[in-house]
N, C-alpha and C. Protein backbone atom coordinates (compact mmCIF):
# COMPACT_ATOMS: atom_id res chain seq x y z
N MET A 1 -17.26 6.02 10.89
CA MET A 1 -15.80 5.93 10.77
C MET A 1 -15.06 6.58 11.79
N MET A 2 -14.30 5.86 12.42
CA MET A 2 -13.61 6.63 13.51
C MET A 2 -11.91 6.48 13.09
N THR A 3 -11.17 7.47 13.18
CA THR A 3 -9.70 7.65 12.87
C THR A 3 -8.85 8.09 13.90
N LEU A 4 -7.73 7.63 14.48
CA LEU A 4 -6.89 8.21 15.34
C LEU A 4 -5.37 8.15 14.73
N THR A 5 -4.92 9.45 14.67
CA THR A 5 -3.65 9.56 13.98
C THR A 5 -2.69 10.04 15.06
N LEU A 6 -1.40 9.64 15.23
CA LEU A 6 -0.30 10.22 16.12
C LEU A 6 0.84 10.73 15.24
N ASP A 7 1.27 11.95 15.37
CA ASP A 7 2.41 12.41 14.66
C ASP A 7 3.52 12.73 15.79
N HIS A 8 4.70 12.54 15.35
CA HIS A 8 5.92 12.71 15.98
C HIS A 8 6.87 13.40 15.20
N ASN A 9 7.50 14.73 15.65
CA ASN A 9 8.46 15.13 14.91
C ASN A 9 9.74 14.77 15.24
N LEU A 10 10.53 14.25 14.17
CA LEU A 10 11.88 13.77 14.37
C LEU A 10 13.05 14.88 14.31
N SER A 11 12.79 15.77 13.68
CA SER A 11 13.49 16.92 13.32
C SER A 11 12.73 18.15 12.75
N LYS A 12 13.21 19.07 12.38
CA LYS A 12 12.49 20.35 11.91
C LYS A 12 11.77 19.99 10.52
N ARG A 13 12.22 19.24 9.70
CA ARG A 13 11.61 18.70 8.56
C ARG A 13 10.98 17.13 8.37
N THR A 14 11.43 16.57 9.39
CA THR A 14 11.02 15.00 9.36
C THR A 14 10.12 14.62 10.59
N ALA A 15 8.89 13.95 10.26
CA ALA A 15 8.18 13.39 11.26
C ALA A 15 7.73 11.98 10.87
N VAL A 16 7.21 11.31 11.73
CA VAL A 16 6.83 10.00 11.71
C VAL A 16 5.11 9.89 12.11
N TYR A 17 4.31 8.97 11.43
CA TYR A 17 2.96 9.09 12.08
C TYR A 17 2.50 7.74 11.98
N ALA A 18 1.42 7.52 12.71
CA ALA A 18 0.85 5.94 12.92
C ALA A 18 -0.78 6.38 12.69
N GLN A 19 -1.50 5.63 12.06
CA GLN A 19 -2.78 5.91 12.07
C GLN A 19 -3.68 4.58 12.25
N TYR A 20 -4.95 4.70 12.76
CA TYR A 20 -5.94 3.61 13.08
C TYR A 20 -7.16 4.11 12.53
N SER A 21 -7.87 3.31 11.73
CA SER A 21 -9.00 3.63 11.12
C SER A 21 -10.25 2.59 11.39
N LYS A 22 -11.38 2.62 11.72
CA LYS A 22 -12.22 1.56 11.82
C LYS A 22 -13.74 2.12 11.24
N ILE A 23 -14.13 1.26 10.24
CA ILE A 23 -15.64 1.64 9.82
C ILE A 23 -16.42 0.53 10.48
N ASP A 24 -17.44 0.99 11.16
CA ASP A 24 -18.40 -0.06 11.97
C ASP A 24 -19.65 -0.02 10.97
N ASN A 25 -19.91 -1.08 10.02
CA ASN A 25 -20.85 -1.34 9.44
C ASN A 25 -22.11 -1.84 9.97
N GLY A 26 -23.29 -1.44 9.82
CA GLY A 26 -24.38 -1.99 10.22
C GLY A 26 -24.71 -3.34 9.64
N THR A 27 -25.71 -3.84 9.83
CA THR A 27 -26.04 -5.27 9.40
C THR A 27 -26.57 -5.05 7.73
N GLY A 28 -26.74 -4.16 7.34
CA GLY A 28 -27.14 -3.95 5.89
C GLY A 28 -26.21 -3.08 4.98
N THR A 29 -24.98 -2.65 5.70
CA THR A 29 -24.28 -1.89 4.88
C THR A 29 -22.75 -2.51 4.53
N THR A 30 -22.21 -1.92 3.71
CA THR A 30 -20.84 -2.46 3.19
C THR A 30 -20.02 -1.20 2.81
N TYR A 31 -19.78 -0.32 3.65
CA TYR A 31 -18.88 0.79 3.33
C TYR A 31 -17.39 0.30 3.76
N TYR A 32 -16.31 1.03 2.96
CA TYR A 32 -14.86 0.80 3.11
C TYR A 32 -14.04 2.02 3.04
N TYR A 33 -12.90 1.91 3.23
CA TYR A 33 -12.19 3.06 3.09
C TYR A 33 -12.07 3.97 1.83
N VAL A 34 -12.50 3.50 0.79
CA VAL A 34 -12.88 4.34 -0.56
C VAL A 34 -14.39 4.71 -0.51
N ALA A 35 -14.56 6.02 -0.74
CA ALA A 35 -16.05 6.41 -0.42
C ALA A 35 -17.20 5.70 -1.12
N GLY A 36 -18.34 5.46 -0.65
CA GLY A 36 -19.16 4.71 -1.10
C GLY A 36 -19.31 3.37 -0.64
N PRO A 37 -20.51 2.57 -0.92
CA PRO A 37 -20.60 1.04 -0.52
C PRO A 37 -19.87 0.21 -1.74
N THR A 38 -19.58 -0.94 -1.44
CA THR A 38 -19.06 -2.06 -2.24
C THR A 38 -20.09 -2.57 -2.86
N THR A 39 -19.82 -3.19 -4.18
CA THR A 39 -21.15 -4.04 -4.79
C THR A 39 -20.91 -5.37 -4.04
N ASN A 40 -22.05 -5.64 -3.50
CA ASN A 40 -21.91 -6.90 -2.55
C ASN A 40 -22.63 -8.28 -3.24
N ASN A 41 -21.57 -8.98 -3.50
CA ASN A 41 -22.10 -10.21 -3.90
C ASN A 41 -22.18 -11.37 -2.81
N GLY A 42 -21.84 -10.97 -1.48
CA GLY A 42 -21.92 -11.86 -0.55
C GLY A 42 -20.79 -12.98 -0.50
N LEU A 43 -19.79 -12.95 -1.31
CA LEU A 43 -18.79 -13.78 -1.14
C LEU A 43 -17.28 -13.20 -0.53
N GLY A 44 -17.39 -11.88 -0.39
CA GLY A 44 -16.14 -11.26 0.19
C GLY A 44 -14.86 -11.17 -0.95
N VAL A 45 -15.22 -11.60 -1.89
CA VAL A 45 -14.04 -11.63 -2.90
C VAL A 45 -14.38 -10.56 -4.10
N GLY A 46 -13.25 -10.37 -4.90
CA GLY A 46 -13.26 -9.24 -6.02
C GLY A 46 -13.54 -7.69 -5.67
N GLY A 47 -13.20 -7.48 -4.36
CA GLY A 47 -13.29 -6.21 -3.98
C GLY A 47 -14.67 -5.99 -3.30
N SER A 48 -15.50 -6.93 -3.16
CA SER A 48 -16.90 -7.05 -2.52
C SER A 48 -16.58 -7.58 -1.16
N MET A 49 -17.57 -7.29 -0.39
CA MET A 49 -17.67 -7.87 1.02
C MET A 49 -19.00 -8.06 1.55
N THR A 50 -19.25 -8.98 2.54
CA THR A 50 -20.59 -9.13 2.92
C THR A 50 -21.14 -8.07 4.04
N ALA A 51 -22.24 -7.61 3.79
CA ALA A 51 -22.98 -6.90 4.58
C ALA A 51 -22.75 -7.00 6.00
N GLY A 52 -22.40 -5.83 6.71
CA GLY A 52 -22.28 -6.07 8.28
C GLY A 52 -20.81 -6.18 8.43
N VAL A 53 -19.92 -6.49 7.79
CA VAL A 53 -18.53 -6.91 8.13
C VAL A 53 -17.81 -5.47 8.48
N ASP A 54 -16.98 -5.33 9.60
CA ASP A 54 -16.31 -4.06 9.98
C ASP A 54 -15.10 -4.08 9.06
N VAL A 55 -14.58 -2.73 8.86
CA VAL A 55 -13.19 -2.67 8.42
C VAL A 55 -12.37 -1.91 9.27
N THR A 56 -11.33 -2.35 9.28
CA THR A 56 -10.10 -2.03 10.31
C THR A 56 -8.77 -1.61 9.31
N ILE A 57 -8.54 -0.33 9.41
CA ILE A 57 -7.27 -0.01 8.79
C ILE A 57 -6.26 0.49 9.45
N TYR A 58 -4.91 -0.01 9.24
CA TYR A 58 -3.53 0.51 9.95
C TYR A 58 -2.61 1.18 9.00
N GLY A 59 -2.09 2.15 9.48
CA GLY A 59 -1.15 2.90 8.49
C GLY A 59 0.09 3.37 9.24
N ALA A 60 1.22 3.69 8.70
CA ALA A 60 2.44 4.28 9.32
C ALA A 60 3.33 4.74 8.15
N GLY A 61 3.95 5.96 8.34
CA GLY A 61 4.94 6.45 7.30
C GLY A 61 5.76 7.49 8.01
N VAL A 62 6.55 8.00 6.96
CA VAL A 62 7.52 9.12 7.47
C VAL A 62 7.08 10.26 6.61
N LYS A 63 7.14 11.37 7.09
CA LYS A 63 6.83 12.61 6.19
C LYS A 63 8.07 13.69 6.17
N THR A 64 8.46 14.09 5.06
CA THR A 64 9.59 15.00 4.82
C THR A 64 9.31 16.17 4.12
N SER A 65 9.53 17.34 4.42
CA SER A 65 9.63 18.48 3.83
C SER A 65 10.80 19.11 3.24
N PHE A 66 10.78 19.50 2.15
CA PHE A 66 12.15 20.24 1.47
C PHE A 66 12.01 21.82 1.33
């Protein structure tokens, strides 16, 4: 898994962030963003995925501290 995160402070208490993550599954693995392999039924439905499928995750948000 590879993750790239960028943070930018807008003020003393507020920041924004963007994140990109990629899981490069081999031909026989089914790892995803929650720890551990999925239950593989070969259909890619019901939370399962076909072995060897890569997972890409994007995220963005705002952080505020009080």
